[in-house]
Protein backbone atom coordinates (compact mmCIF):
# COMPACT_ATOMS: atom_id res chain seq x y z
CA MET A 1 108.11 83.94 115.81
CA ASN A 2 110.22 86.92 115.03
CA PRO A 3 110.50 87.92 111.34
CA ARG A 4 112.76 90.91 111.96
CA MET A 5 112.20 93.71 109.64
CA GLU A 6 115.22 94.12 107.47
CA ILE A 7 112.57 93.36 104.90
CA TRP A 8 110.82 96.72 105.34
CA GLN A 9 111.87 99.31 102.89
CA ASP A 10 112.78 102.62 104.49
CA ARG A 11 110.07 105.06 103.35
CA TYR A 12 112.21 107.95 104.39
CA SER A 13 114.90 107.12 101.84
CA LYS A 14 115.18 108.89 98.51
CA ARG A 15 112.90 106.36 96.89
CA PHE A 16 110.17 106.99 99.41
CA ALA A 17 110.22 110.66 100.05
CA ARG A 18 108.15 111.67 103.10
CA GLY A 19 104.47 111.71 102.24
CA GLY A 20 101.30 110.25 103.75
CA ALA A 21 101.05 107.91 106.70
CA PHE A 22 100.60 104.11 106.12
CA PHE A 23 98.37 102.07 108.44
CA VAL A 24 97.66 98.37 108.18
CA PHE A 25 95.00 96.15 109.68
CA GLU A 26 95.71 92.48 110.28
CA GLY A 27 93.83 89.56 111.79
CA ILE A 28 91.90 86.41 111.08
CA ASP A 29 88.76 86.42 108.83
CA GLY A 30 85.90 87.77 110.88
CA SER A 31 88.12 89.78 113.26
CA GLY A 32 86.69 93.06 111.96
CA LYS A 33 89.57 94.35 109.82
CA THR A 34 87.45 95.58 106.89
CA THR A 35 84.98 97.40 109.15
CA GLN A 36 87.77 99.04 111.19
CA ALA A 37 89.68 100.12 108.08
CA ARG A 38 86.47 101.81 106.82
CA LEU A 39 85.69 103.48 110.17
CA LEU A 40 89.25 104.85 110.48
CA ALA A 41 89.18 106.10 106.89
CA ASP A 42 85.84 107.86 107.54
CA ARG A 43 87.09 109.43 110.75
CA LEU A 44 90.28 110.79 109.14
CA GLU A 45 88.17 112.18 106.25
CA ALA A 46 85.90 113.88 108.81
CA LEU A 47 89.07 115.53 110.24
CA GLY A 48 89.89 116.98 106.84
CA LEU A 49 92.50 114.42 105.90
CA THR A 50 92.67 112.46 102.62
CA ALA A 51 92.64 108.73 103.20
CA LEU A 52 92.80 105.80 100.74
CA ARG A 53 91.32 102.52 101.90
CA THR A 54 92.79 99.53 100.04
CA ALA A 55 92.99 95.75 100.55
CA GLU A 56 94.81 92.57 99.65
CA PRO A 57 94.25 90.69 97.45
CA SER A 58 94.28 93.80 95.32
CA ASP A 59 92.21 94.62 92.22
CA GLY A 60 95.29 94.03 90.03
CA PRO A 61 95.49 91.10 87.63
CA VAL A 62 96.97 88.62 90.07
CA GLY A 63 94.66 89.79 92.87
CA ARG A 64 91.62 89.18 90.66
CA LEU A 65 92.97 85.76 89.82
CA ILE A 66 93.32 84.93 93.56
CA ARG A 67 89.77 86.12 94.26
CA SER A 68 88.21 84.28 91.40
CA ALA A 69 89.87 80.89 91.80
CA SER A 70 87.42 78.08 92.42
CA THR A 71 90.08 75.90 93.98
CA ARG A 72 92.93 76.87 96.27
CA PRO A 73 96.43 76.54 94.90
CA GLY A 74 99.17 74.66 96.76
CA PRO A 75 100.77 76.43 99.65
CA HIS A 76 103.96 77.48 97.95
CA GLU A 77 102.16 78.61 94.81
CA GLU A 78 99.73 80.55 96.94
CA ALA A 79 102.54 82.31 98.74
CA ARG A 80 104.09 83.23 95.40
CA LEU A 81 100.79 84.60 94.02
CA PHE A 82 100.15 86.74 97.12
CA ALA A 83 103.69 88.14 97.02
CA LYS A 84 103.33 89.00 93.28
CA ASP A 85 100.02 90.69 93.95
CA ARG A 86 101.46 92.55 96.97
CA ASN A 87 104.34 93.85 94.76
CA TYR A 88 101.69 95.27 92.37
CA HIS A 89 99.73 96.68 95.31
CA VAL A 90 102.80 98.47 96.71
CA GLU A 91 104.13 99.83 93.47
CA GLN A 92 100.80 100.77 91.77
CA ILE A 93 98.57 101.79 94.71
CA ILE A 94 100.41 102.42 97.96
CA ILE A 95 103.60 104.21 96.89
CA PRO A 96 101.82 106.68 94.47
CA ALA A 97 99.27 107.53 97.19
CA LEU A 98 101.91 108.09 99.86
CA ARG A 99 103.84 110.36 97.48
CA ARG A 100 100.67 112.50 97.08
CA GLY A 101 100.48 112.88 100.84
CA VAL A 102 97.52 110.55 101.18
CA THR A 103 97.12 108.41 104.29
CA VAL A 104 96.89 104.76 103.08
CA ILE A 105 94.88 102.24 105.11
CA SER A 106 95.41 98.66 104.02
CA ASP A 107 93.18 95.72 104.92
CA ARG A 108 95.89 92.97 105.02
CA TYR A 109 99.60 93.16 104.15
CA LEU A 110 102.68 91.05 104.65
CA TYR A 111 101.67 89.32 107.89
CA SER A 112 98.58 87.85 106.21
CA SER A 113 101.00 85.79 104.15
CA VAL A 114 103.08 84.89 107.18
CA ALA A 115 99.98 83.75 109.05
CA TYR A 116 97.83 82.21 106.27
CA GLN A 117 100.49 80.55 104.21
CA GLY A 118 102.55 79.80 107.30
CA ALA A 119 99.56 77.88 108.64
CA ARG A 120 99.78 75.72 105.54
CA GLY A 121 103.41 74.85 106.24
CA VAL A 122 105.29 77.46 104.22
CA ALA A 123 108.43 78.50 106.10
CA ILE A 124 108.57 82.13 107.18
CA LYS A 125 111.97 82.43 105.55
CA GLU A 126 110.45 81.55 102.21
CA ILE A 127 107.60 84.02 102.65
CA LEU A 128 109.96 86.83 103.61
CA SER A 129 112.22 86.02 100.63
CA LEU A 130 109.22 86.18 98.22
CA ASN A 131 108.35 89.63 99.63
CA SER A 132 111.78 91.08 99.87
CA GLY A 133 112.93 94.19 98.11
CA PHE A 134 109.62 96.05 97.62
CA LEU A 135 107.70 96.37 100.86
CA VAL A 136 106.98 99.77 102.33
CA LYS A 137 107.23 100.03 106.11
CA PRO A 138 103.91 100.83 107.75
CA ASP A 139 103.64 103.43 110.53
CA ILE A 140 101.53 100.95 112.57
CA ILE A 141 100.07 97.51 112.09
CA PHE A 142 96.77 97.01 114.00
CA LEU A 143 96.38 93.31 114.86
CA LEU A 144 92.71 92.69 115.67
CA LEU A 145 92.33 89.85 118.09
CA ALA A 146 89.10 87.90 118.43
CA PRO A 147 88.37 84.31 119.34
CA VAL A 148 88.01 82.04 116.33
CA GLU A 149 84.50 81.11 117.37
CA THR A 150 83.47 84.80 117.57
CA ALA A 151 85.00 85.47 114.12
CA LEU A 152 83.15 82.56 112.55
CA ALA A 153 79.90 83.60 114.07
CA ARG A 154 80.34 87.08 112.63
CA ILE A 155 81.04 85.66 109.20
CA LYS A 156 77.93 83.42 109.35
CA SER A 157 75.76 86.35 110.38
CA GLU A 158 76.94 88.58 107.56
CA ARG A 159 76.76 86.11 104.65
CA THR A 160 74.16 84.06 102.90
CA GLU A 161 76.73 81.66 101.49
CA GLY A 162 78.93 79.34 103.56
CA TYR A 163 82.49 79.78 104.76
CA SER A 164 85.32 80.23 102.27
CA GLN A 165 88.30 77.87 101.91
CA PHE A 166 90.27 80.21 104.19
CA GLU A 167 87.81 79.84 107.05
CA ALA A 168 87.89 76.27 108.28
CA VAL A 169 87.92 76.31 112.10
CA ASP A 170 91.13 74.32 112.63
CA TYR A 171 92.92 76.28 109.99
CA LEU A 172 91.87 79.62 111.44
CA ARG A 173 93.06 78.45 114.83
CA ALA A 174 96.51 77.79 113.35
CA VAL A 175 96.47 81.21 111.58
CA ASP A 176 95.48 82.88 114.90
CA ARG A 177 98.32 81.23 116.72
CA ILE A 178 100.86 82.54 114.22
CA TYR A 179 99.35 86.03 114.44
CA ARG A 180 99.60 86.02 118.19
CA SER A 181 103.23 84.79 118.06
CA LEU A 182 104.46 87.65 115.94
CA ASP A 183 107.09 89.92 117.43
CA ASP A 184 107.42 93.27 115.67
CA PRO A 185 107.33 96.65 117.40
CA LEU A 186 105.12 97.93 114.58
CA ILE A 187 102.36 95.60 115.68
CA CYS A 188 99.66 97.14 117.94
CA PRO A 189 97.34 94.35 119.29
CA VAL A 190 93.76 95.59 119.60
CA SER A 191 90.79 93.59 121.09
CA GLY A 192 88.37 93.00 118.23
CA GLU A 193 85.61 91.97 120.67
CA GLY A 194 82.53 94.15 121.23
CA PRO A 195 80.62 96.59 119.11
CA ALA A 196 82.47 98.00 116.08
CA ASP A 197 82.39 101.59 117.44
CA LEU A 198 84.08 100.48 120.63
CA VAL A 199 86.79 98.71 118.74
CA HIS A 200 87.27 101.79 116.58
CA GLU A 201 87.81 103.90 119.74
CA ARG A 202 90.50 101.47 120.79
CA VAL A 203 92.15 101.85 117.39
CA PHE A 204 92.01 105.61 117.52
CA ALA A 205 93.33 105.70 121.08
CA ALA A 206 96.31 103.64 119.93
CA LEU A 207 97.08 106.21 117.20
CA ARG A 208 97.02 108.93 119.83
CA GLU A 209 99.22 106.92 122.25
CA ARG A 210 101.85 106.32 119.57
CA GLY A 211 101.93 109.96 118.54
CA LEU A 212 100.58 109.19 115.05
CA LEU A 213 97.85 111.76 115.25
CA ASP A 214 100.57 114.40 115.41
CA LEU A 215 102.14 112.86 112.39
CA LEU A 216 98.84 113.23 110.55
CA SER A 217 98.29 116.81 111.68
CA ASN A 218 101.69 117.73 110.19
CA GLN A 219 100.86 116.48 106.69
């Protein structure tokens, strides 16, 4: 699968004057995205940088609607809602922070829609169309890879309630297949297996290898 990135807005254009860096974490539920976003933000703060950790669905009106829904909407409506929330997230949270020179770390972004709504049968062309015209291009997208069984075991160990409607095993396998099929040079696959601190060191090493630590030091 190759959703080529004419869809990304150029953050170096007049609209997106050079500011903070933008990092994204993607992966199936239980892959460790939220933990890794937190660890990276903490490490950057320890280095004297200002980092904003954010997530999708956002805390905006549509994001709150998505989070609070007792039943899952149909696939196409769900894709529309996530795109609408993402537009809010970009315009109200991500862009203002980048303009202030803040490094933004997002737990989920465009490819969550490609994978999760794609696994429900929504065509990638439709998903990209819904998200066109407002997306900011990340500097890197960390794709945390973990076996579905490992991810579900983590979820079970961390919650008192059962799995959510996004976490059925066959569905997560379909989501995982889509994630692993993505072809975008911004994507940096990272093994999500092992202790969280070890995974974090893999993430930080990838930043170093791609020269993004130099980008941060020049902010």
